[in-house]
Amino acid sequence: MSMSIDEIRTTEKEAEQLVIKAKQKAQKIIQNAHQESKQLVEEAEEEAAKEIAKVRKKSEKSVQQTEQQVQAELENTLQEIEQQKEKNLEEASEIIVERVTTVEEE
């Protein structure tokens, strides 16, 4: 059973159409995959940016708390120094008064 030339040409055209449709379908699949990939990259970049912002905010808050703590400690130390200074001045004054009194009594 042999095929006529018309049948062969018809079969070839059908095969060509199948190849064209397969190529179009493959191109569409590739385009969809590319689009999905692009979208996933954009979503990942957005999530990364959000995480970076969270970490930055947390870091800034931590730095601010540390600065406040250091400032409070510094103020406490300065108060202690001032109190010690006043105490030393009082003691020095008492010693001077005591010496002057002792010298006058002699």
N, C-alpha and C. Protein backbone atom coordinates (compact mmCIF):
# COMPACT_ATOMS: atom_id res chain seq x y z
N MET A 1 0.84 -1.16 0.00
CA MET A 1 0.00 0.00 0.00
C MET A 1 0.90 1.23 0.00
N SER A 2 0.91 1.89 -1.06
CA SER A 2 1.75 3.06 -1.16
C SER A 2 0.88 4.30 -1.15
N MET A 3 1.50 5.39 -0.66
CA MET A 3 0.75 6.64 -0.54
C MET A 3 0.93 7.45 -1.82
N SER A 4 -0.12 8.15 -2.14
CA SER A 4 -0.04 9.01 -3.31
C SER A 4 0.74 10.26 -2.96
N ILE A 5 1.17 10.99 -3.93
CA ILE A 5 1.93 12.22 -3.72
C ILE A 5 1.09 13.22 -2.94
N ASP A 6 -0.18 13.33 -3.25
CA ASP A 6 -1.05 14.25 -2.51
C ASP A 6 -1.14 13.86 -1.04
N GLU A 7 -1.24 12.57 -0.78
CA GLU A 7 -1.32 12.10 0.61
C GLU A 7 -0.01 12.40 1.35
N ILE A 8 1.11 12.21 0.64
CA ILE A 8 2.41 12.49 1.25
C ILE A 8 2.51 13.98 1.58
N ARG A 9 2.10 14.83 0.62
CA ARG A 9 2.16 16.28 0.85
C ARG A 9 1.23 16.69 1.99
N THR A 10 0.05 16.12 2.04
CA THR A 10 -0.89 16.42 3.12
C THR A 10 -0.29 16.00 4.46
N THR A 11 0.31 14.83 4.49
CA THR A 11 0.93 14.34 5.72
C THR A 11 2.10 15.24 6.12
N GLU A 12 2.89 15.66 5.13
CA GLU A 12 4.01 16.57 5.43
C GLU A 12 3.51 17.89 6.01
N LYS A 13 2.44 18.43 5.41
CA LYS A 13 1.87 19.69 5.92
C LYS A 13 1.34 19.52 7.33
N GLU A 14 0.70 18.39 7.58
CA GLU A 14 0.19 18.12 8.93
C GLU A 14 1.36 18.01 9.91
N ALA A 15 2.43 17.36 9.47
CA ALA A 15 3.62 17.23 10.32
C ALA A 15 4.23 18.60 10.58
N GLU A 16 4.31 19.43 9.54
CA GLU A 16 4.84 20.78 9.71
C GLU A 16 3.98 21.58 10.68
N GLN A 17 2.67 21.44 10.56
CA GLN A 17 1.76 22.15 11.47
C GLN A 17 1.97 21.66 12.91
N LEU A 18 2.15 20.35 13.08
CA LEU A 18 2.40 19.81 14.42
C LEU A 18 3.71 20.36 14.98
N VAL A 19 4.75 20.45 14.14
CA VAL A 19 6.04 20.99 14.57
C VAL A 19 5.88 22.46 14.95
N ILE A 20 5.16 23.23 14.12
CA ILE A 20 4.93 24.65 14.41
C ILE A 20 4.19 24.81 15.73
N LYS A 21 3.12 24.01 15.91
CA LYS A 21 2.35 24.09 17.16
C LYS A 21 3.21 23.71 18.36
N ALA A 22 4.05 22.68 18.19
CA ALA A 22 4.92 22.25 19.28
C ALA A 22 5.92 23.35 19.63
N LYS A 23 6.48 24.01 18.60
CA LYS A 23 7.42 25.11 18.84
C LYS A 23 6.72 26.26 19.56
N GLN A 24 5.50 26.59 19.11
CA GLN A 24 4.75 27.68 19.73
C GLN A 24 4.45 27.35 21.19
N LYS A 25 4.05 26.10 21.42
CA LYS A 25 3.75 25.68 22.79
C LYS A 25 5.01 25.75 23.66
N ALA A 26 6.13 25.31 23.10
CA ALA A 26 7.40 25.35 23.84
C ALA A 26 7.79 26.80 24.14
N GLN A 27 7.62 27.68 23.15
CA GLN A 27 7.94 29.09 23.37
C GLN A 27 7.05 29.69 24.46
N LYS A 28 5.79 29.33 24.43
CA LYS A 28 4.86 29.84 25.45
C LYS A 28 5.27 29.34 26.83
N ILE A 29 5.63 28.06 26.91
CA ILE A 29 6.07 27.49 28.19
C ILE A 29 7.33 28.21 28.68
N ILE A 30 8.26 28.46 27.76
CA ILE A 30 9.51 29.16 28.12
C ILE A 30 9.20 30.58 28.59
N GLN A 31 8.31 31.27 27.88
CA GLN A 31 7.93 32.63 28.27
C GLN A 31 7.28 32.64 29.65
N ASN A 32 6.38 31.69 29.88
CA ASN A 32 5.72 31.60 31.19
C ASN A 32 6.73 31.32 32.30
N ALA A 33 7.66 30.40 32.02
CA ALA A 33 8.68 30.07 33.01
C ALA A 33 9.56 31.29 33.29
N HIS A 34 9.91 32.01 32.23
CA HIS A 34 10.73 33.22 32.40
C HIS A 34 9.98 34.26 33.22
N GLN A 35 8.70 34.44 32.93
CA GLN A 35 7.88 35.42 33.66
C GLN A 35 7.76 35.02 35.14
N GLU A 36 7.51 33.72 35.38
CA GLU A 36 7.41 33.24 36.76
C GLU A 36 8.73 33.43 37.49
N SER A 37 9.83 33.13 36.80
CA SER A 37 11.15 33.29 37.40
C SER A 37 11.41 34.75 37.75
N LYS A 38 11.06 35.64 36.83
CA LYS A 38 11.23 37.07 37.07
C LYS A 38 10.40 37.51 38.27
N GLN A 39 9.18 37.02 38.34
CA GLN A 39 8.29 37.38 39.45
C GLN A 39 8.85 36.86 40.77
N LEU A 40 9.36 35.63 40.76
CA LEU A 40 9.94 35.06 41.98
C LEU A 40 11.16 35.86 42.44
N VAL A 41 11.98 36.29 41.49
CA VAL A 41 13.15 37.10 41.83
C VAL A 41 12.71 38.42 42.45
N GLU A 42 11.69 39.05 41.86
CA GLU A 42 11.18 40.31 42.40
C GLU A 42 10.64 40.12 43.81
N GLU A 43 9.89 39.04 44.01
CA GLU A 43 9.35 38.76 45.35
C GLU A 43 10.47 38.52 46.35
N ALA A 44 11.49 37.77 45.92
CA ALA A 44 12.63 37.50 46.81
C ALA A 44 13.36 38.79 47.16
N GLU A 45 13.52 39.67 46.18
CA GLU A 45 14.18 40.95 46.44
C GLU A 45 13.37 41.80 47.41
N GLU A 46 12.04 41.79 47.24
CA GLU A 46 11.18 42.54 48.16
C GLU A 46 11.28 41.99 49.57
N GLU A 47 11.24 40.67 49.70
CA GLU A 47 11.35 40.05 51.03
C GLU A 47 12.71 40.36 51.66
N ALA A 48 13.75 40.29 50.84
CA ALA A 48 15.09 40.60 51.35
C ALA A 48 15.16 42.05 51.82
N ALA A 49 14.57 42.94 51.05
CA ALA A 49 14.56 44.36 51.44
C ALA A 49 13.81 44.55 52.75
N LYS A 50 12.69 43.84 52.91
CA LYS A 50 11.92 43.93 54.16
C LYS A 50 12.75 43.42 55.34
N GLU A 51 13.42 42.29 55.15
CA GLU A 51 14.24 41.72 56.22
C GLU A 51 15.39 42.65 56.58
N ILE A 52 16.01 43.23 55.56
CA ILE A 52 17.10 44.18 55.81
C ILE A 52 16.59 45.38 56.59
N ALA A 53 15.41 45.86 56.22
CA ALA A 53 14.82 47.01 56.94
C ALA A 53 14.54 46.64 58.39
N LYS A 54 14.02 45.42 58.62
CA LYS A 54 13.75 44.97 60.00
C LYS A 54 15.04 44.92 60.81
N VAL A 55 16.07 44.31 60.21
CA VAL A 55 17.35 44.17 60.92
C VAL A 55 17.95 45.55 61.19
N ARG A 56 17.86 46.44 60.19
CA ARG A 56 18.39 47.79 60.37
C ARG A 56 17.67 48.51 61.50
N LYS A 57 16.33 48.39 61.52
CA LYS A 57 15.53 49.05 62.56
C LYS A 57 15.88 48.48 63.93
N LYS A 58 16.00 47.15 64.00
CA LYS A 58 16.35 46.50 65.26
C LYS A 58 17.74 46.95 65.71
N SER A 59 18.66 47.04 64.77
CA SER A 59 20.02 47.48 65.08
C SER A 59 20.03 48.92 65.58
N GLU A 60 19.27 49.78 64.90
CA GLU A 60 19.20 51.18 65.33
C GLU A 60 18.62 51.28 66.73
N LYS A 61 17.60 50.48 67.01
CA LYS A 61 16.98 50.49 68.34
C LYS A 61 17.99 50.03 69.39
N SER A 62 18.74 48.98 69.05
CA SER A 62 19.75 48.46 69.97
C SER A 62 20.83 49.50 70.23
N VAL A 63 21.27 50.18 69.18
CA VAL A 63 22.29 51.22 69.33
C VAL A 63 21.74 52.35 70.21
N GLN A 64 20.50 52.73 69.96
CA GLN A 64 19.88 53.80 70.74
C GLN A 64 19.79 53.41 72.22
N GLN A 65 19.39 52.17 72.49
CA GLN A 65 19.30 51.71 73.88
C GLN A 65 20.68 51.72 74.53
N THR A 66 21.68 51.28 73.79
CA THR A 66 23.04 51.26 74.32
C THR A 66 23.52 52.68 74.61
N GLU A 67 23.24 53.60 73.69
CA GLU A 67 23.62 55.00 73.90
C GLU A 67 22.94 55.57 75.14
N GLN A 68 21.66 55.26 75.32
CA GLN A 68 20.93 55.75 76.49
C GLN A 68 21.53 55.17 77.77
N GLN A 69 21.87 53.89 77.73
CA GLN A 69 22.46 53.24 78.90
C GLN A 69 23.82 53.87 79.23
N VAL A 70 24.64 54.08 78.21
CA VAL A 70 25.95 54.70 78.42
C VAL A 70 25.78 56.11 78.97
N GLN A 71 24.82 56.86 78.43
CA GLN A 71 24.57 58.23 78.90
C GLN A 71 24.15 58.22 80.37
N ALA A 72 23.27 57.29 80.73
CA ALA A 72 22.81 57.20 82.12
C ALA A 72 23.97 56.84 83.05
N GLU A 73 24.81 55.90 82.62
CA GLU A 73 25.96 55.52 83.43
C GLU A 73 26.94 56.69 83.58
N LEU A 74 27.12 57.43 82.50
CA LEU A 74 28.00 58.59 82.54
C LEU A 74 27.47 59.64 83.51
N GLU A 75 26.17 59.90 83.45
CA GLU A 75 25.56 60.87 84.37
C GLU A 75 25.71 60.42 85.81
N ASN A 76 25.50 59.13 86.07
CA ASN A 76 25.67 58.59 87.43
C ASN A 76 27.11 58.77 87.90
N THR A 77 28.05 58.47 87.03
CA THR A 77 29.46 58.61 87.39
C THR A 77 29.80 60.07 87.68
N LEU A 78 29.29 60.97 86.85
CA LEU A 78 29.54 62.40 87.08
C LEU A 78 28.94 62.85 88.41
N GLN A 79 27.76 62.36 88.74
CA GLN A 79 27.14 62.70 90.03
C GLN A 79 27.98 62.17 91.18
N GLU A 80 28.47 60.93 91.04
CA GLU A 80 29.31 60.36 92.09
C GLU A 80 30.59 61.18 92.26
N ILE A 81 31.18 61.59 91.14
CA ILE A 81 32.41 62.40 91.21
C ILE A 81 32.11 63.73 91.89
N GLU A 82 31.00 64.35 91.52
CA GLU A 82 30.62 65.64 92.13
C GLU A 82 30.39 65.47 93.64
N GLN A 83 29.71 64.40 94.03
CA GLN A 83 29.46 64.14 95.45
C GLN A 83 30.78 63.91 96.19
N GLN A 84 31.68 63.14 95.56
CA GLN A 84 32.97 62.88 96.19
C GLN A 84 33.77 64.17 96.31
N LYS A 85 33.67 65.03 95.30
CA LYS A 85 34.36 66.33 95.32
C LYS A 85 33.86 67.16 96.50
N GLU A 86 32.52 67.24 96.64
CA GLU A 86 31.94 68.02 97.74
C GLU A 86 32.36 67.43 99.09
N LYS A 87 32.36 66.11 99.18
CA LYS A 87 32.76 65.46 100.43
C LYS A 87 34.23 65.77 100.74
N ASN A 88 35.08 65.70 99.72
CA ASN A 88 36.50 66.01 99.92
C ASN A 88 36.70 67.46 100.33
N LEU A 89 35.93 68.38 99.72
CA LEU A 89 36.03 69.80 100.10
C LEU A 89 35.61 70.00 101.55
N GLU A 90 34.54 69.33 101.95
CA GLU A 90 34.08 69.44 103.34
C GLU A 90 35.14 68.91 104.30
N GLU A 91 35.70 67.74 103.95
CA GLU A 91 36.73 67.16 104.81
C GLU A 91 37.97 68.07 104.87
N ALA A 92 38.33 68.62 103.72
CA ALA A 92 39.49 69.53 103.69
C ALA A 92 39.21 70.76 104.54
N SER A 93 37.99 71.29 104.44
CA SER A 93 37.63 72.47 105.25
C SER A 93 37.69 72.12 106.72
N GLU A 94 37.19 70.96 107.10
CA GLU A 94 37.21 70.54 108.51
C GLU A 94 38.65 70.41 109.00
N ILE A 95 39.51 69.83 108.14
CA ILE A 95 40.91 69.67 108.53
C ILE A 95 41.57 71.04 108.71
N ILE A 96 41.28 71.96 107.79
CA ILE A 96 41.86 73.31 107.90
C ILE A 96 41.37 74.00 109.16
N VAL A 97 40.07 73.91 109.42
CA VAL A 97 39.51 74.53 110.63
C VAL A 97 40.14 73.89 111.86
N GLU A 98 40.28 72.59 111.85
CA GLU A 98 40.87 71.88 112.99
C GLU A 98 42.32 72.31 113.19
N ARG A 99 43.08 72.46 112.14
CA ARG A 99 44.49 72.88 112.24
C ARG A 99 44.59 74.32 112.75
N VAL A 100 43.72 75.17 112.18
CA VAL A 100 43.75 76.57 112.62
C VAL A 100 43.38 76.64 114.09
N THR A 101 42.37 75.88 114.49
CA THR A 101 41.95 75.87 115.89
C THR A 101 43.08 75.34 116.76
N THR A 102 43.73 74.31 116.32
CA THR A 102 44.83 73.73 117.09
C THR A 102 45.98 74.72 117.20
N VAL A 103 46.30 75.41 116.16
CA VAL A 103 47.38 76.40 116.17
C VAL A 103 47.02 77.55 117.10
N GLU A 104 45.77 78.01 117.07
CA GLU A 104 45.34 79.12 117.91
C GLU A 104 45.37 78.72 119.38
N GLU A 105 45.07 77.48 119.66
CA GLU A 105 45.04 77.03 121.05
C GLU A 105 46.45 76.92 121.61
N GLU A 106 47.41 76.73 120.76
CA GLU A 106 48.78 76.58 121.25
C GLU A 106 49.36 77.88 121.53
